[in-house]
Amino acid sequence: MPEYGYTKDKAALVTRLHRIEGQVRGIEKMVEEDRYCVDILTQISAATTALESLALQMLEQHIEHCVAGALASGDEGDAKQKTEELLQAVQRFARSR
């Protein structure tokens, strides 16, 4: 089984994802209960911030493990692939902001 940059922190990441999932379920409940729209928007913003924070952590781990490992390996093909993946990930993240 391959090891990725996040592998060592997988349990903590899953815990964070469960927390975010709970936030989203809370938003759903607020909508079902006809809560005030600004309160719902506040919670959506908090969930979005939590996901963005997680994404930045994953991006950092990808750079430190996957990209750095490919560059250090001397394998030009792997280094090129990992660099292209990194650029695409950064572009996706930047577009979503």
PDB file of N, CA and C in Angstrom:
ATOM      1  N   MET A   1       0.850  -1.177   0.000  1.00  0.00           N
ATOM      2  CA  MET A   1       0.000   0.000   0.000  1.00  0.00           C
ATOM      3  C   MET A   1       0.897   1.241   0.000  1.00  0.00           C
ATOM      4  N   PRO A   2       0.628   2.191  -0.874  1.00  0.00           N
ATOM      5  CA  PRO A   2       1.489   3.388  -0.929  1.00  0.00           C
ATOM      6  C   PRO A   2       1.323   4.256   0.314  1.00  0.00           C
ATOM      7  N   GLU A   3       2.374   4.990   0.613  1.00  0.00           N
ATOM      8  CA  GLU A   3       2.311   5.937   1.718  1.00  0.00           C
ATOM      9  C   GLU A   3       2.298   7.339   1.128  1.00  0.00           C
ATOM     10  N   TYR A   4       1.333   8.130   1.561  1.00  0.00           N
ATOM     11  CA  TYR A   4       1.201   9.494   1.081  1.00  0.00           C
ATOM     12  C   TYR A   4       1.587  10.454   2.191  1.00  0.00           C
ATOM     13  N   GLY A   5       1.672  11.725   1.864  1.00  0.00           N
ATOM     14  CA  GLY A   5       2.083  12.727   2.834  1.00  0.00           C
ATOM     15  C   GLY A   5       1.182  12.791   4.047  1.00  0.00           C
ATOM     16  N   TYR A   6      -0.081  12.488   3.885  1.00  0.00           N
ATOM     17  CA  TYR A   6      -1.027  12.576   4.988  1.00  0.00           C
ATOM     18  C   TYR A   6      -1.130  11.297   5.817  1.00  0.00           C
ATOM     19  N   THR A   7      -0.481  10.237   5.377  1.00  0.00           N
ATOM     20  CA  THR A   7      -0.649   8.933   6.002  1.00  0.00           C
ATOM     21  C   THR A   7      -0.391   8.966   7.507  1.00  0.00           C
ATOM     22  N   LYS A   8       0.678   9.654   7.925  1.00  0.00           N
ATOM     23  CA  LYS A   8       1.007   9.667   9.358  1.00  0.00           C
ATOM     24  C   LYS A   8      -0.030  10.427  10.180  1.00  0.00           C
ATOM     25  N   ASP A   9      -0.785  11.323   9.551  1.00  0.00           N
ATOM     26  CA  ASP A   9      -1.798  12.116  10.246  1.00  0.00           C
ATOM     27  C   ASP A   9      -3.222  11.688   9.895  1.00  0.00           C
ATOM     28  N   LYS A  10      -3.363  10.500   9.324  1.00  0.00           N
ATOM     29  CA  LYS A  10      -4.664  10.069   8.814  1.00  0.00           C
ATOM     30  C   LYS A  10      -5.753  10.076   9.885  1.00  0.00           C
ATOM     31  N   ALA A  11      -5.471   9.593  11.067  1.00  0.00           N
ATOM     32  CA  ALA A  11      -6.494   9.537  12.120  1.00  0.00           C
ATOM     33  C   ALA A  11      -6.971  10.939  12.486  1.00  0.00           C
ATOM     34  N   ALA A  12      -6.057  11.892  12.604  1.00  0.00           N
ATOM     35  CA  ALA A  12      -6.434  13.275  12.932  1.00  0.00           C
ATOM     36  C   ALA A  12      -7.231  13.902  11.792  1.00  0.00           C
ATOM     37  N   LEU A  13      -6.858  13.589  10.557  1.00  0.00           N
ATOM     38  CA  LEU A  13      -7.588  14.127   9.405  1.00  0.00           C
ATOM     39  C   LEU A  13      -9.012  13.582   9.355  1.00  0.00           C
ATOM     40  N   VAL A  14      -9.161  12.311   9.630  1.00  0.00           N
ATOM     41  CA  VAL A  14     -10.492  11.705   9.635  1.00  0.00           C
ATOM     42  C   VAL A  14     -11.340  12.331  10.743  1.00  0.00           C
ATOM     43  N   THR A  15     -10.735  12.583  11.896  1.00  0.00           N
ATOM     44  CA  THR A  15     -11.452  13.239  12.993  1.00  0.00           C
ATOM     45  C   THR A  15     -11.928  14.622  12.565  1.00  0.00           C
ATOM     46  N   ARG A  16     -11.039  15.384  11.901  1.00  0.00           N
ATOM     47  CA  ARG A  16     -11.428  16.715  11.408  1.00  0.00           C
ATOM     48  C   ARG A  16     -12.554  16.620  10.392  1.00  0.00           C
ATOM     49  N   LEU A  17     -12.472  15.639   9.500  1.00  0.00           N
ATOM     50  CA  LEU A  17     -13.531  15.469   8.505  1.00  0.00           C
ATOM     51  C   LEU A  17     -14.868  15.136   9.166  1.00  0.00           C
ATOM     52  N   HIS A  18     -14.839  14.337  10.210  1.00  0.00           N
ATOM     53  CA  HIS A  18     -16.078  14.016  10.930  1.00  0.00           C
ATOM     54  C   HIS A  18     -16.659  15.273  11.580  1.00  0.00           C
ATOM     55  N   ARG A  19     -15.774  16.120  12.106  1.00  0.00           N
ATOM     56  CA  ARG A  19     -16.233  17.386  12.696  1.00  0.00           C
ATOM     57  C   ARG A  19     -16.892  18.267  11.632  1.00  0.00           C
ATOM     58  N   ILE A  20     -16.267  18.348  10.478  1.00  0.00           N
ATOM     59  CA  ILE A  20     -16.822  19.148   9.379  1.00  0.00           C
ATOM     60  C   ILE A  20     -18.148  18.556   8.916  1.00  0.00           C
ATOM     61  N   GLU A  21     -18.206  17.249   8.852  1.00  0.00           N
ATOM     62  CA  GLU A  21     -19.452  16.577   8.475  1.00  0.00           C
ATOM     63  C   GLU A  21     -20.558  16.943   9.466  1.00  0.00           C
ATOM     64  N   GLY A  22     -20.213  16.994  10.749  1.00  0.00           N
ATOM     65  CA  GLY A  22     -21.175  17.398  11.763  1.00  0.00           C
ATOM     66  C   GLY A  22     -21.633  18.838  11.569  1.00  0.00           C
ATOM     67  N   GLN A  23     -20.695  19.707  11.182  1.00  0.00           N
ATOM     68  CA  GLN A  23     -21.067  21.096  10.896  1.00  0.00           C
ATOM     69  C   GLN A  23     -22.084  21.150   9.758  1.00  0.00           C
ATOM     70  N   VAL A  24     -21.850  20.392   8.716  1.00  0.00           N
ATOM     71  CA  VAL A  24     -22.747  20.391   7.560  1.00  0.00           C
ATOM     72  C   VAL A  24     -24.112  19.829   7.949  1.00  0.00           C
ATOM     73  N   ARG A  25     -24.134  18.782   8.760  1.00  0.00           N
ATOM     74  CA  ARG A  25     -25.418  18.250   9.232  1.00  0.00           C
ATOM     75  C   ARG A  25     -26.156  19.295  10.066  1.00  0.00           C
ATOM     76  N   GLY A  26     -25.394  20.069  10.854  1.00  0.00           N
ATOM     77  CA  GLY A  26     -25.997  21.143  11.636  1.00  0.00           C
ATOM     78  C   GLY A  26     -26.619  22.207  10.747  1.00  0.00           C
ATOM     79  N   ILE A  27     -25.960  22.520   9.636  1.00  0.00           N
ATOM     80  CA  ILE A  27     -26.507  23.484   8.680  1.00  0.00           C
ATOM     81  C   ILE A  27     -27.803  22.948   8.082  1.00  0.00           C
ATOM     82  N   GLU A  28     -27.796  21.677   7.739  1.00  0.00           N
ATOM     83  CA  GLU A  28     -29.005  21.049   7.197  1.00  0.00           C
ATOM     84  C   GLU A  28     -30.159  21.171   8.187  1.00  0.00           C
ATOM     85  N   LYS A  29     -29.877  20.909   9.447  1.00  0.00           N
ATOM     86  CA  LYS A  29     -30.908  21.001  10.491  1.00  0.00           C
ATOM     87  C   LYS A  29     -31.421  22.437  10.617  1.00  0.00           C
ATOM     88  N   MET A  30     -30.503  23.402  10.509  1.00  0.00           N
ATOM     89  CA  MET A  30     -30.915  24.807  10.580  1.00  0.00           C
ATOM     90  C   MET A  30     -31.887  25.146   9.450  1.00  0.00           C
ATOM     91  N   VAL A  31     -31.605  24.644   8.265  1.00  0.00           N
ATOM     92  CA  VAL A  31     -32.492  24.886   7.121  1.00  0.00           C
ATOM     93  C   VAL A  31     -33.843  24.228   7.371  1.00  0.00           C
ATOM     94  N   GLU A  32     -33.819  22.973   7.842  1.00  0.00           N
ATOM     95  CA  GLU A  32     -35.067  22.260   8.122  1.00  0.00           C
ATOM     96  C   GLU A  32     -35.903  22.984   9.175  1.00  0.00           C
ATOM     97  N   GLU A  33     -35.233  23.653  10.113  1.00  0.00           N
ATOM     98  CA  GLU A  33     -35.924  24.352  11.205  1.00  0.00           C
ATOM     99  C   GLU A  33     -36.253  25.806  10.850  1.00  0.00           C
ATOM    100  N   ASP A  34     -36.025  26.188   9.600  1.00  0.00           N
ATOM    101  CA  ASP A  34     -36.307  27.557   9.146  1.00  0.00           C
ATOM    102  C   ASP A  34     -35.601  28.609   9.995  1.00  0.00           C
ATOM    103  N   ARG A  35     -34.309  28.394  10.243  1.00  0.00           N
ATOM    104  CA  ARG A  35     -33.527  29.353  11.016  1.00  0.00           C
ATOM    105  C   ARG A  35     -33.209  30.575  10.161  1.00  0.00           C
ATOM    106  N   TYR A  36     -32.795  31.632  10.796  1.00  0.00           N
ATOM    107  CA  TYR A  36     -32.506  32.902  10.140  1.00  0.00           C
ATOM    108  C   TYR A  36     -31.368  32.712   9.132  1.00  0.00           C
ATOM    109  N   CYS A  37     -31.552  33.283   7.935  1.00  0.00           N
ATOM    110  CA  CYS A  37     -30.618  33.056   6.828  1.00  0.00           C
ATOM    111  C   CYS A  37     -29.191  33.496   7.153  1.00  0.00           C
ATOM    112  N   VAL A  38     -29.005  34.599   7.844  1.00  0.00           N
ATOM    113  CA  VAL A  38     -27.657  35.069   8.162  1.00  0.00           C
ATOM    114  C   VAL A  38     -26.959  34.089   9.119  1.00  0.00           C
ATOM    115  N   ASP A  39     -27.714  33.491  10.027  1.00  0.00           N
ATOM    116  CA  ASP A  39     -27.123  32.485  10.917  1.00  0.00           C
ATOM    117  C   ASP A  39     -26.665  31.262  10.123  1.00  0.00           C
ATOM    118  N   ILE A  40     -27.440  30.876   9.133  1.00  0.00           N
ATOM    119  CA  ILE A  40     -27.067  29.744   8.276  1.00  0.00           C
ATOM    120  C   ILE A  40     -25.821  30.092   7.470  1.00  0.00           C
ATOM    121  N   LEU A  41     -25.798  31.294   6.908  1.00  0.00           N
ATOM    122  CA  LEU A  41     -24.629  31.723   6.140  1.00  0.00           C
ATOM    123  C   LEU A  41     -23.370  31.754   6.994  1.00  0.00           C
ATOM    124  N   THR A  42     -23.504  32.140   8.241  1.00  0.00           N
ATOM    125  CA  THR A  42     -22.360  32.142   9.163  1.00  0.00           C
ATOM    126  C   THR A  42     -21.816  30.733   9.340  1.00  0.00           C
ATOM    127  N   GLN A  43     -22.707  29.770   9.473  1.00  0.00           N
ATOM    128  CA  GLN A  43     -22.275  28.382   9.646  1.00  0.00           C
ATOM    129  C   GLN A  43     -21.682  27.812   8.358  1.00  0.00           C
ATOM    130  N   ILE A  44     -22.227  28.201   7.217  1.00  0.00           N
ATOM    131  CA  ILE A  44     -21.657  27.778   5.932  1.00  0.00           C
ATOM    132  C   ILE A  44     -20.240  28.322   5.798  1.00  0.00           C
ATOM    133  N   SER A  45     -20.043  29.567   6.189  1.00  0.00           N
ATOM    134  CA  SER A  45     -18.709  30.172   6.134  1.00  0.00           C
ATOM    135  C   SER A  45     -17.734  29.414   7.027  1.00  0.00           C
ATOM    136  N   ALA A  46     -18.181  29.022   8.214  1.00  0.00           N
ATOM    137  CA  ALA A  46     -17.316  28.275   9.136  1.00  0.00           C
ATOM    138  C   ALA A  46     -16.942  26.910   8.556  1.00  0.00           C
ATOM    139  N   ALA A  47     -17.894  26.232   7.942  1.00  0.00           N
ATOM    140  CA  ALA A  47     -17.614  24.926   7.340  1.00  0.00           C
ATOM    141  C   ALA A  47     -16.668  25.071   6.146  1.00  0.00           C
ATOM    142  N   THR A  48     -16.866  26.113   5.360  1.00  0.00           N
ATOM    143  CA  THR A  48     -15.989  26.374   4.215  1.00  0.00           C
ATOM    144  C   THR A  48     -14.567  26.653   4.687  1.00  0.00           C
ATOM    145  N   THR A  49     -14.436  27.451   5.729  1.00  0.00           N
ATOM    146  CA  THR A  49     -13.118  27.750   6.293  1.00  0.00           C
ATOM    147  C   THR A  49     -12.442  26.486   6.795  1.00  0.00           C
ATOM    148  N   ALA A  50     -13.212  25.622   7.438  1.00  0.00           N
ATOM    149  CA  ALA A  50     -12.658  24.360   7.941  1.00  0.00           C
ATOM    150  C   ALA A  50     -12.160  23.487   6.791  1.00  0.00           C
ATOM    151  N   LEU A  51     -12.910  23.402   5.709  1.00  0.00           N
ATOM    152  CA  LEU A  51     -12.484  22.615   4.543  1.00  0.00           C
ATOM    153  C   LEU A  51     -11.256  23.224   3.885  1.00  0.00           C
ATOM    154  N   GLU A  52     -11.223  24.554   3.782  1.00  0.00           N
ATOM    155  CA  GLU A  52     -10.062  25.213   3.182  1.00  0.00           C
ATOM    156  C   GLU A  52      -8.809  24.967   4.022  1.00  0.00           C
ATOM    157  N   SER A  53      -8.952  25.003   5.323  1.00  0.00           N
ATOM    158  CA  SER A  53      -7.820  24.732   6.214  1.00  0.00           C
ATOM    159  C   SER A  53      -7.305  23.309   6.023  1.00  0.00           C
ATOM    160  N   LEU A  54      -8.223  22.374   5.909  1.00  0.00           N
ATOM    161  CA  LEU A  54      -7.849  20.982   5.668  1.00  0.00           C
ATOM    162  C   LEU A  54      -7.161  20.836   4.318  1.00  0.00           C
ATOM    163  N   ALA A  55      -7.677  21.535   3.315  1.00  0.00           N
ATOM    164  CA  ALA A  55      -7.069  21.478   1.981  1.00  0.00           C
ATOM    165  C   ALA A  55      -5.644  22.015   2.010  1.00  0.00           C
ATOM    166  N   LEU A  56      -5.425  23.103   2.721  1.00  0.00           N
ATOM    167  CA  LEU A  56      -4.069  23.654   2.818  1.00  0.00           C
ATOM    168  C   LEU A  56      -3.126  22.685   3.513  1.00  0.00           C
ATOM    169  N   GLN A  57      -3.619  22.008   4.539  1.00  0.00           N
ATOM    170  CA  GLN A  57      -2.800  21.015   5.231  1.00  0.00           C
ATOM    171  C   GLN A  57      -2.446  19.863   4.288  1.00  0.00           C
ATOM    172  N   MET A  58      -3.421  19.393   3.519  1.00  0.00           N
ATOM    173  CA  MET A  58      -3.165  18.313   2.562  1.00  0.00           C
ATOM    174  C   MET A  58      -2.176  18.762   1.491  1.00  0.00           C
ATOM    175  N   LEU A  59      -2.318  19.992   1.027  1.00  0.00           N
ATOM    176  CA  LEU A  59      -1.412  20.530   0.016  1.00  0.00           C
ATOM    177  C   LEU A  59       0.011  20.598   0.563  1.00  0.00           C
ATOM    178  N   GLU A  60       0.149  21.076   1.776  1.00  0.00           N
ATOM    179  CA  GLU A  60       1.468  21.144   2.408  1.00  0.00           C
ATOM    180  C   GLU A  60       2.100  19.761   2.534  1.00  0.00           C
ATOM    181  N   GLN A  61       1.308  18.789   2.961  1.00  0.00           N
ATOM    182  CA  GLN A  61       1.831  17.429   3.105  1.00  0.00           C
ATOM    183  C   GLN A  61       2.182  16.829   1.751  1.00  0.00           C
ATOM    184  N   HIS A  62       1.412  17.168   0.726  1.00  0.00           N
ATOM    185  CA  HIS A  62       1.729  16.682  -0.617  1.00  0.00           C
ATOM    186  C   HIS A  62       3.081  17.235  -1.073  1.00  0.00           C
ATOM    187  N   ILE A  63       3.304  18.514  -0.823  1.00  0.00           N
ATOM    188  CA  ILE A  63       4.576  19.135  -1.209  1.00  0.00           C
ATOM    189  C   ILE A  63       5.733  18.506  -0.450  1.00  0.00           C
ATOM    190  N   GLU A  64       5.581  18.420   0.870  1.00  0.00           N
ATOM    191  CA  GLU A  64       6.673  17.941   1.719  1.00  0.00           C
ATOM    192  C   GLU A  64       6.996  16.470   1.512  1.00  0.00           C
ATOM    193  N   HIS A  65       6.007  15.679   1.117  1.00  0.00           N
ATOM    194  CA  HIS A  65       6.250  14.242   0.978  1.00  0.00           C
ATOM    195  C   HIS A  65       6.335  13.815  -0.488  1.00  0.00           C
ATOM    196  N   CYS A  66       5.264  13.995  -1.200  1.00  0.00           N
ATOM    197  CA  CYS A  66       5.183  13.464  -2.564  1.00  0.00           C
ATOM    198  C   CYS A  66       6.084  14.219  -3.547  1.00  0.00           C
ATOM    199  N   VAL A  67       5.955  15.545  -3.560  1.00  0.00           N
ATOM    200  CA  VAL A  67       6.745  16.333  -4.505  1.00  0.00           C
ATOM    201  C   VAL A  67       8.216  16.297  -4.124  1.00  0.00           C
ATOM    202  N   ALA A  68       8.520  16.533  -2.857  1.00  0.00           N
ATOM    203  CA  ALA A  68       9.924  16.516  -2.410  1.00  0.00           C
ATOM    204  C   ALA A  68      10.552  15.146  -2.658  1.00  0.00           C
ATOM    205  N   GLY A  69       9.804  14.092  -2.412  1.00  0.00           N
ATOM    206  CA  GLY A  69      10.324  12.742  -2.642  1.00  0.00           C
ATOM    207  C   GLY A  69      10.612  12.484  -4.112  1.00  0.00           C
ATOM    208  N   ALA A  70       9.723  12.954  -4.975  1.00  0.00           N
ATOM    209  CA  ALA A  70       9.931  12.767  -6.415  1.00  0.00           C
ATOM    210  C   ALA A  70      11.146  13.553  -6.894  1.00  0.00           C
ATOM    211  N   LEU A  71      11.312  14.770  -6.395  1.00  0.00           N
ATOM    212  CA  LEU A  71      12.471  15.581  -6.785  1.00  0.00           C
ATOM    213  C   LEU A  71      13.767  14.960  -6.274  1.00  0.00           C
ATOM    214  N   ALA A  72      13.742  14.467  -5.048  1.00  0.00           N
ATOM    215  CA  ALA A  72      14.945  13.875  -4.449  1.00  0.00           C
ATOM    216  C   ALA A  72      15.313  12.541  -5.094  1.00  0.00           C
ATOM    217  N   SER A  73      14.342  11.865  -5.673  1.00  0.00           N
ATOM    218  CA  SER A  73      14.596  10.541  -6.251  1.00  0.00           C
ATOM    219  C   SER A  73      15.476  10.596  -7.491  1.00  0.00           C
ATOM    220  N   GLY A  74      15.495  11.748  -8.150  1.00  0.00           N
ATOM    221  CA  GLY A  74      16.257  11.860  -9.387  1.00  0.00           C
ATOM    222  C   GLY A  74      15.504  11.344 -10.600  1.00  0.00           C
ATOM    223  N   ASP A  75      14.300  10.828 -10.399  1.00  0.00           N
ATOM    224  CA  ASP A  75      13.471  10.326 -11.498  1.00  0.00           C
ATOM    225  C   ASP A  75      12.784  11.522 -12.156  1.00  0.00           C
ATOM    226  N   GLU A  76      13.287  11.940 -13.309  1.00  0.00           N
ATOM    227  CA  GLU A  76      12.764  13.143 -13.961  1.00  0.00           C
ATOM    228  C   GLU A  76      11.292  13.021 -14.327  1.00  0.00           C
ATOM    229  N   GLY A  77      10.867  11.853 -14.754  1.00  0.00           N
ATOM    230  CA  GLY A  77       9.462  11.639 -15.125  1.00  0.00           C
ATOM    231  C   GLY A  77       8.541  11.789 -13.924  1.00  0.00           C
ATOM    232  N   ASP A  78       8.933  11.168 -12.812  1.00  0.00           N
ATOM    233  CA  ASP A  78       8.131  11.263 -11.588  1.00  0.00           C
ATOM    234  C   ASP A  78       8.130  12.703 -11.065  1.00  0.00           C
ATOM    235  N   ALA A  79       9.280  13.359 -11.093  1.00  0.00           N
ATOM    236  CA  ALA A  79       9.376  14.748 -10.636  1.00  0.00           C
ATOM    237  C   ALA A  79       8.484  15.644 -11.482  1.00  0.00           C
ATOM    238  N   LYS A  80       8.477  15.429 -12.788  1.00  0.00           N
ATOM    239  CA  LYS A  80       7.643  16.236 -13.683  1.00  0.00           C
ATOM    240  C   LYS A  80       6.170  15.987 -13.393  1.00  0.00           C
ATOM    241  N   GLN A  81       5.793  14.727 -13.203  1.00  0.00           N
ATOM    242  CA  GLN A  81       4.394  14.384 -12.918  1.00  0.00           C
ATOM    243  C   GLN A  81       3.940  15.024 -11.610  1.00  0.00           C
ATOM    244  N   LYS A  82       4.737  14.887 -10.561  1.00  0.00           N
ATOM    245  CA  LYS A  82       4.358  15.429  -9.255  1.00  0.00           C
ATOM    246  C   LYS A  82       4.300  16.954  -9.288  1.00  0.00           C
ATOM    247  N   THR A  83       5.201  17.581 -10.026  1.00  0.00           N
ATOM    248  CA  THR A  83       5.187  19.038 -10.153  1.00  0.00           C
ATOM    249  C   THR A  83       3.931  19.494 -10.890  1.00  0.00           C
ATOM    250  N   GLU A  84       3.568  18.791 -11.956  1.00  0.00           N
ATOM    251  CA  GLU A  84       2.351  19.134 -12.697  1.00  0.00           C
ATOM    252  C   GLU A  84       1.109  18.944 -11.825  1.00  0.00           C
ATOM    253  N   GLU A  85       1.079  17.850 -11.058  1.00  0.00           N
ATOM    254  CA  GLU A  85      -0.044  17.625 -10.144  1.00  0.00           C
ATOM    255  C   GLU A  85      -0.149  18.762  -9.128  1.00  0.00           C
ATOM    256  N   LEU A  86       0.997  19.186  -8.606  1.00  0.00           N
ATOM    257  CA  LEU A  86       1.016  20.274  -7.631  1.00  0.00           C
ATOM    258  C   LEU A  86       0.462  21.553  -8.244  1.00  0.00           C
ATOM    259  N   LEU A  87       0.914  21.896  -9.426  1.00  0.00           N
ATOM    260  CA  LEU A  87       0.424  23.107 -10.089  1.00  0.00           C
ATOM    261  C   LEU A  87      -1.078  23.041 -10.335  1.00  0.00           C
ATOM    262  N   GLN A  88      -1.565  21.891 -10.766  1.00  0.00           N
ATOM    263  CA  GLN A  88      -3.003  21.728 -10.997  1.00  0.00           C
ATOM    264  C   GLN A  88      -3.780  21.866  -9.689  1.00  0.00           C
ATOM    265  N   ALA A  89      -3.258  21.299  -8.612  1.00  0.00           N
ATOM    266  CA  ALA A  89      -3.930  21.397  -7.312  1.00  0.00           C
ATOM    267  C   ALA A  89      -3.979  22.845  -6.834  1.00  0.00           C
ATOM    268  N   VAL A  90      -2.889  23.566  -6.991  1.00  0.00           N
ATOM    269  CA  VAL A  90      -2.845  24.976  -6.586  1.00  0.00           C
ATOM    270  C   VAL A  90      -3.821  25.791  -7.437  1.00  0.00           C
ATOM    271  N   GLN A  91      -3.867  25.519  -8.734  1.00  0.00           N
ATOM    272  CA  GLN A  91      -4.797  26.238  -9.611  1.00  0.00           C
ATOM    273  C   GLN A  91      -6.250  25.971  -9.217  1.00  0.00           C
ATOM    274  N   ARG A  92      -6.582  24.713  -8.913  1.00  0.00           N
ATOM    275  CA  ARG A  92      -7.946  24.383  -8.477  1.00  0.00           C
ATOM    276  C   ARG A  92      -8.281  25.117  -7.186  1.00  0.00           C
ATOM    277  N   PHE A  93      -7.331  25.115  -6.258  1.00  0.00           N
ATOM    278  CA  PHE A  93      -7.556  25.761  -4.970  1.00  0.00           C
ATOM    279  C   PHE A  93      -7.726  27.263  -5.156  1.00  0.00           C
ATOM    280  N   ALA A  94      -6.907  27.854  -6.004  1.00  0.00           N
ATOM    281  CA  ALA A  94      -6.977  29.299  -6.235  1.00  0.00           C
ATOM    282  C   ALA A  94      -8.299  29.681  -6.910  1.00  0.00           C
ATOM    283  N   ARG A  95      -8.782  28.864  -7.829  1.00  0.00           N
ATOM    284  CA  ARG A  95     -10.054  29.139  -8.505  1.00  0.00           C
ATOM    285  C   ARG A  95     -11.235  29.066  -7.549  1.00  0.00           C
ATOM    286  N   SER A  96     -11.134  28.203  -6.544  1.00  0.00           N
ATOM    287  CA  SER A  96     -12.250  28.013  -5.619  1.00  0.00           C
ATOM    288  C   SER A  96     -12.364  29.149  -4.612  1.00  0.00           C
ATOM    289  N   ARG A  97     -11.389  30.014  -4.572  1.00  0.00           N
ATOM    290  CA  ARG A  97     -11.403  31.106  -3.598  1.00  0.00           C
ATOM    291  C   ARG A  97     -12.043  32.300  -4.159  1.00  0.00           C
TER     292      ARG A  97
END
